[in-house]
Amino acid sequence: MDVSVETRVNRERLGFSRKFRAYVSLTKPRVVELLLVTTAPVMFLAEGGVPNLWLMLVTLIGGSLSAGSAGAFNCYIDRDIDRLMKRTQGRPLVTGDLTDREALVFAWILGIGSIVWLAVFTNWLAAGLSLLAILVYVFVYTLWLKRRTEQNIIWGGIAGCFPVVIGWAAVTNSLSWAPIILFAVIFLWTPPHYWPLSMKYRDDYQNASVPMLAVVRGRSVVGLQVVLYAWATVACSLLLIPVAPMGIVYTVVAVSAGAWFIYESHLLYSRAIRHGEVQPMRVFHSSITYLTLVFIAVGVDPLLPF
């Protein structure tokens, strides 16, 4: 049987459940989860208490659709290098669970749907910011920077910062210094979060000719950059205390979790310069825990009287 015919027959035999899972996988659900973790707490901060629960629900749905659209566009554009990397060989466009056309149509539907949804149920500012986030992730990161420069994740990571301003805008229909500071926190946090992952999968990126920092620089340079950005992230998070202003809960969490994040970053760098066995995924996972704790504190702090 011809290979193309066999592939088509196999696709036709896919059950609904497997097809559904393929579409979900296309949205990069773990990334969506992390983005929602940063959206909801900011809405509590913007409200100064518990926000309208219906507003929070529709904002999270709209944000999920927007992030899912960006992820689907990314999978469509990067389908060629995904086939070369072991880490991404399970993605639906690589396995053939979805066709290129199905993925592209799905990405457009989610993107347009997210903008319309947020415009109808929140406001045009939140919808416009959501559109901008998709454009940055698709055009600035995926199409422009990812395959051209080691700075890709720094500036391309801006797309992941938008949920905080979208959540704030949904509540207030405006922006202020507090969400901008939190935007900057995620911007500074993204490199020390992602670069350890690129150290772990350095060979993958090298095989795909993607110039991640770990590919074009030694691990000592990567470790030093992780340390510098970790310090900058924690320092920026502390700016929120006088600006918001934040209480004791946020202050304690930001300082203690930040100290732990910095410690893990220094440990990675120390082992790198001493040519010891590095554990980059330890920093990767600790960065997620750090950001989660900080944003939980952002949401809890306005609910307490101190």
Protein backbone atom coordinates (compact mmCIF):
# COMPACT_ATOMS: atom_id res chain seq x y z
CA MET A 1 0.00 0.00 0.00
CA ASP A 2 1.19 3.51 -0.81
CA VAL A 3 2.54 5.32 2.28
CA SER A 4 0.25 8.33 1.82
CA VAL A 5 -2.79 6.06 1.41
CA GLU A 6 -1.80 4.04 4.48
CA THR A 7 -1.40 7.23 6.52
CA ARG A 8 -4.84 8.44 5.43
CA VAL A 9 -6.44 5.10 6.32
CA ASN A 10 -4.79 5.14 9.75
CA ARG A 11 -6.12 8.66 10.38
CA GLU A 12 -9.62 7.61 9.40
CA ARG A 13 -9.45 4.78 11.92
CA LEU A 14 -8.60 7.07 14.81
CA GLY A 15 -11.30 7.00 17.46
CA PHE A 16 -12.97 10.09 18.87
CA SER A 17 -11.11 9.81 22.16
CA ARG A 18 -7.69 9.72 20.53
CA LYS A 19 -8.61 12.56 18.19
CA PHE A 20 -9.83 14.64 21.12
CA ARG A 21 -6.61 14.01 23.04
CA ALA A 22 -4.63 15.04 19.98
CA TYR A 23 -6.44 18.39 19.78
CA VAL A 24 -5.92 18.95 23.51
CA SER A 25 -2.22 18.11 23.15
CA LEU A 26 -1.96 20.67 20.36
CA THR A 27 -2.83 23.45 22.85
CA LYS A 28 0.11 22.56 25.15
CA PRO A 29 -2.11 22.14 28.25
CA ARG A 30 0.77 22.33 30.76
CA VAL A 31 1.65 25.77 29.47
CA VAL A 32 -2.02 26.78 29.65
CA GLU A 33 -2.19 25.62 33.28
CA LEU A 34 0.79 27.77 34.22
CA LEU A 35 -0.71 30.79 32.48
CA LEU A 36 -3.99 30.37 34.37
CA VAL A 37 -2.05 30.20 37.65
CA THR A 38 -0.85 33.74 36.94
CA THR A 39 -4.21 35.08 35.72
CA ALA A 40 -6.63 34.26 38.53
CA PRO A 41 -4.61 35.66 41.47
CA VAL A 42 -4.10 38.98 39.67
CA MET A 43 -7.88 39.33 39.39
CA PHE A 44 -8.12 39.09 43.20
CA LEU A 45 -5.45 41.76 43.51
CA ALA A 46 -7.19 44.01 40.97
CA GLU A 47 -10.49 43.67 42.82
CA GLY A 48 -8.90 44.07 46.25
CA GLY A 49 -10.82 40.98 47.30
CA VAL A 50 -12.92 38.28 45.66
CA PRO A 51 -13.72 39.23 42.06
CA ASN A 52 -16.98 38.46 40.30
CA LEU A 53 -16.78 34.69 39.90
CA TRP A 54 -18.55 34.73 36.53
CA LEU A 55 -16.05 37.30 35.26
CA MET A 56 -13.17 35.19 36.52
CA LEU A 57 -14.57 32.08 34.84
CA VAL A 58 -15.05 33.71 31.44
CA THR A 59 -11.63 35.35 31.65
CA LEU A 60 -9.95 32.02 32.37
CA ILE A 61 -11.85 30.39 29.51
CA GLY A 62 -10.85 33.18 27.14
CA GLY A 63 -7.25 33.02 28.30
CA SER A 64 -7.19 29.24 27.81
CA LEU A 65 -8.50 29.60 24.26
CA SER A 66 -5.92 32.28 23.51
CA ALA A 67 -3.00 30.29 24.92
CA GLY A 68 -4.26 27.16 23.19
CA SER A 69 -4.39 28.99 19.87
CA ALA A 70 -0.80 30.20 20.26
CA GLY A 71 0.31 26.68 21.16
CA ALA A 72 -1.48 25.18 18.16
CA PHE A 73 0.05 27.72 15.77
CA ASN A 74 3.46 26.93 17.29
CA CYS A 75 2.99 23.18 16.74
CA TYR A 76 1.94 23.82 13.14
CA ILE A 77 4.89 26.09 12.35
CA ASP A 78 7.46 23.94 14.16
CA ARG A 79 6.23 20.59 12.87
CA ASP A 80 9.44 20.11 10.88
CA ILE A 81 11.82 20.48 13.84
CA ASP A 82 9.43 18.63 16.17
CA ARG A 83 10.12 15.56 14.03
CA LEU A 84 13.83 15.90 14.77
CA MET A 85 13.58 16.26 18.56
CA LYS A 86 12.95 13.31 20.86
CA ARG A 87 11.12 15.56 23.33
CA THR A 88 8.48 16.53 20.77
CA GLN A 89 8.09 13.36 18.71
CA GLY A 90 4.84 12.56 20.49
CA ARG A 91 3.10 15.71 19.27
CA PRO A 92 0.02 15.06 17.11
CA LEU A 93 1.44 16.48 13.87
CA VAL A 94 4.47 14.24 14.22
CA THR A 95 2.50 11.09 15.02
CA GLY A 96 -0.04 11.82 12.29
CA ASP A 97 -3.00 11.93 14.67
CA LEU A 98 -3.85 15.30 13.13
CA THR A 99 -3.24 16.66 9.66
CA ASP A 100 -1.52 19.99 9.09
CA ARG A 101 -4.80 21.45 7.86
CA GLU A 102 -6.71 20.26 10.93
CA ALA A 103 -4.13 21.86 13.21
CA LEU A 104 -4.12 25.16 11.34
CA VAL A 105 -7.91 25.43 11.23
CA PHE A 106 -8.09 24.56 14.92
CA ALA A 107 -5.53 27.25 15.77
CA TRP A 108 -7.49 29.90 13.85
CA ILE A 109 -10.79 28.88 15.45
CA LEU A 110 -9.35 29.05 18.96
CA GLY A 111 -7.65 32.39 18.27
CA ILE A 112 -10.67 34.12 16.77
CA GLY A 113 -12.93 32.51 19.36
CA SER A 114 -10.78 33.77 22.25
CA ILE A 115 -10.83 37.37 21.03
CA VAL A 116 -14.59 37.37 20.42
CA TRP A 117 -15.23 35.65 23.74
CA LEU A 118 -13.20 38.14 25.76
CA ALA A 119 -14.63 41.12 23.88
CA VAL A 120 -18.20 39.97 24.57
CA PHE A 121 -17.83 38.81 28.16
CA THR A 122 -15.07 41.06 29.53
CA ASN A 123 -13.95 44.15 27.60
CA TRP A 124 -12.07 45.22 24.49
CA LEU A 125 -8.86 45.96 26.40
CA ALA A 126 -8.59 42.37 27.63
CA ALA A 127 -9.47 41.09 24.16
CA GLY A 128 -6.85 43.31 22.51
CA LEU A 129 -4.16 42.19 24.95
CA SER A 130 -5.07 38.58 24.23
CA LEU A 131 -4.69 39.18 20.51
CA LEU A 132 -1.33 40.83 21.09
CA ALA A 133 -0.15 37.84 23.12
CA ILE A 134 -0.97 35.47 20.27
CA LEU A 135 0.78 37.69 17.74
CA VAL A 136 3.92 37.97 19.87
CA TYR A 137 4.15 34.22 20.43
CA VAL A 138 3.52 33.31 16.80
CA PHE A 139 5.34 36.06 14.92
CA VAL A 140 7.99 37.36 17.32
CA TYR A 141 9.00 34.10 18.99
CA THR A 142 8.09 31.20 16.69
CA LEU A 143 8.59 32.74 13.24
CA TRP A 144 11.25 35.36 13.90
CA LEU A 145 13.47 34.64 16.91
CA LYS A 146 13.37 30.94 17.74
CA ARG A 147 15.55 29.72 14.88
CA ARG A 148 17.72 32.83 14.56
CA THR A 149 19.14 33.90 17.92
CA GLU A 150 20.05 32.72 21.39
CA GLN A 151 17.98 35.64 22.67
CA ASN A 152 14.82 33.87 21.44
CA ILE A 153 13.38 32.88 24.79
CA ILE A 154 14.07 36.28 26.36
CA TRP A 155 12.02 38.39 23.98
CA GLY A 156 9.73 35.64 22.77
CA GLY A 157 8.86 34.93 26.38
CA ILE A 158 6.98 38.24 26.50
CA ALA A 159 3.93 36.37 25.22
CA GLY A 160 3.75 34.42 28.48
CA CYS A 161 3.61 37.66 30.47
CA PHE A 162 0.28 38.81 29.05
CA PRO A 163 -2.09 36.77 31.28
CA VAL A 164 -1.41 39.07 34.24
CA VAL A 165 -2.37 42.21 32.33
CA ILE A 166 -5.34 40.43 30.73
CA GLY A 167 -6.64 39.40 34.16
CA TRP A 168 -6.18 42.92 35.52
CA ALA A 169 -7.80 44.52 32.48
CA ALA A 170 -10.78 42.16 32.71
CA VAL A 171 -11.52 43.45 36.22
CA THR A 172 -10.63 47.14 35.90
CA ASN A 173 -10.73 47.83 32.14
CA SER A 174 -7.42 49.62 32.68
CA LEU A 175 -3.76 49.02 33.50
CA SER A 176 -1.56 50.30 36.33
CA TRP A 177 1.88 49.76 37.82
CA ALA A 178 0.95 46.62 39.78
CA PRO A 179 0.20 44.42 36.74
CA ILE A 180 3.14 45.92 34.88
CA ILE A 181 5.47 44.85 37.70
CA LEU A 182 4.01 41.34 37.63
CA PHE A 183 4.40 41.36 33.84
CA ALA A 184 8.08 42.16 34.38
CA VAL A 185 8.40 39.41 37.00
CA ILE A 186 7.29 36.77 34.47
CA PHE A 187 9.46 38.35 31.77
CA LEU A 188 12.56 38.03 33.97
CA TRP A 189 11.51 34.60 35.27
CA THR A 190 11.11 32.99 31.84
CA PRO A 191 14.84 32.65 30.95
CA PRO A 192 15.92 30.99 34.23
CA HIS A 193 12.86 28.76 33.91
CA TYR A 194 13.44 27.69 30.30
CA TRP A 195 17.22 27.67 29.97
CA PRO A 196 17.66 24.71 32.38
CA LEU A 197 15.18 22.80 30.19
CA SER A 198 17.31 23.64 27.15
CA MET A 199 20.35 22.29 29.02
CA LYS A 200 18.54 19.02 29.58
CA TYR A 201 17.55 18.73 25.92
CA ARG A 202 20.62 20.38 24.43
CA ASP A 203 21.20 17.59 21.91
CA ASP A 204 17.60 17.85 20.72
CA TYR A 205 17.90 21.56 20.02
CA GLN A 206 21.29 21.08 18.41
CA ASN A 207 19.95 18.38 16.07
CA ALA A 208 17.10 20.70 15.10
CA SER A 209 19.50 23.66 14.59
CA VAL A 210 17.64 25.77 17.17
CA PRO A 211 20.18 28.19 18.74
CA MET A 212 19.09 27.95 22.36
CA LEU A 213 21.62 29.41 24.79
CA ALA A 214 22.67 25.94 25.96
CA VAL A 215 23.54 25.03 22.37
CA VAL A 216 25.66 28.05 21.44
CA ARG A 217 27.23 28.66 24.87
CA GLY A 218 28.82 26.47 27.50
CA ARG A 219 26.86 25.35 30.52
CA SER A 220 28.85 27.72 32.75
CA VAL A 221 27.53 30.68 30.75
CA VAL A 222 24.01 29.29 30.97
CA GLY A 223 24.36 28.78 34.72
CA LEU A 224 25.58 32.34 35.23
CA GLN A 225 22.70 33.76 33.19
CA VAL A 226 20.22 31.70 35.21
CA VAL A 227 21.67 33.16 38.42
CA LEU A 228 21.51 36.75 37.15
CA TYR A 229 17.94 36.45 35.93
CA ALA A 230 16.85 34.69 39.12
CA TRP A 231 18.17 37.59 41.20
CA ALA A 232 16.47 40.08 38.87
CA THR A 233 13.18 38.17 39.10
CA VAL A 234 13.14 38.16 42.89
CA ALA A 235 14.16 41.83 43.11
CA CYS A 236 11.37 42.78 40.71
CA SER A 237 8.81 40.78 42.71
CA LEU A 238 9.70 42.82 45.81
CA LEU A 239 8.81 46.06 43.99
CA LEU A 240 5.17 45.03 44.25
CA ILE A 241 5.24 45.38 48.05
CA PRO A 242 5.27 49.21 48.16
CA VAL A 243 3.41 49.69 44.86
CA ALA A 244 0.31 47.50 45.36
CA PRO A 245 0.77 47.69 48.40
CA MET A 246 1.16 44.11 49.61
CA GLY A 247 0.92 42.75 53.13
CA ILE A 248 2.86 40.32 55.27
CA VAL A 249 1.76 37.16 53.42
CA TYR A 250 3.06 38.25 50.05
CA THR A 251 6.21 39.72 51.59
CA VAL A 252 7.13 36.52 53.43
CA VAL A 253 6.39 34.29 50.44
CA ALA A 254 8.19 36.51 47.92
CA VAL A 255 11.30 36.70 50.11
CA SER A 256 11.45 33.07 51.23
CA ALA A 257 10.47 31.47 47.91
CA GLY A 258 12.77 33.90 46.14
CA ALA A 259 15.70 32.96 48.36
CA TRP A 260 15.08 29.28 47.58
CA PHE A 261 14.89 29.98 43.82
CA ILE A 262 18.16 31.92 43.96
CA TYR A 263 19.81 29.16 45.97
CA GLU A 264 18.84 26.52 43.40
CA SER A 265 20.16 28.74 40.61
CA HIS A 266 23.50 29.23 42.38
CA LEU A 267 23.74 25.48 42.97
CA LEU A 268 23.34 24.86 39.24
CA TYR A 269 26.02 27.44 38.41
CA SER A 270 28.40 26.12 41.07
CA ARG A 271 28.23 22.59 39.70
CA ALA A 272 28.60 23.86 36.13
CA ILE A 273 31.81 25.81 36.75
CA ARG A 274 33.28 22.93 38.75
CA HIS A 275 32.45 20.53 35.94
CA GLY A 276 30.30 18.46 38.25
CA GLU A 277 27.06 16.68 37.45
CA VAL A 278 24.42 19.36 36.89
CA GLN A 279 20.71 18.84 37.54
CA PRO A 280 19.03 21.44 35.34
CA MET A 281 15.55 19.99 35.76
CA ARG A 282 15.79 20.66 39.48
CA VAL A 283 15.97 24.39 38.71
CA PHE A 284 13.25 24.01 36.07
CA HIS A 285 10.80 22.49 38.55
CA SER A 286 11.78 24.82 41.38
CA SER A 287 11.13 27.80 39.11
CA ILE A 288 7.57 26.58 38.53
CA THR A 289 7.02 26.10 42.25
CA TYR A 290 8.47 29.55 42.95
CA LEU A 291 6.18 31.30 40.49
CA THR A 292 3.14 29.35 41.70
CA LEU A 293 3.81 30.28 45.35
CA VAL A 294 4.35 33.96 44.52
CA PHE A 295 1.12 34.22 42.56
CA ILE A 296 -0.89 32.31 45.16
CA ALA A 297 0.38 34.92 47.61
CA VAL A 298 -0.70 37.67 45.18
CA GLY A 299 -4.24 36.28 45.30
CA VAL A 300 -4.39 35.51 49.02
CA ASP A 301 -2.84 38.74 50.31
CA PRO A 302 -5.79 41.03 49.42
CA LEU A 303 -8.16 38.74 51.32
CA LEU A 304 -6.36 39.20 54.64
CA PRO A 305 -6.52 42.22 56.96
CA PHE A 306 -2.74 42.39 57.52
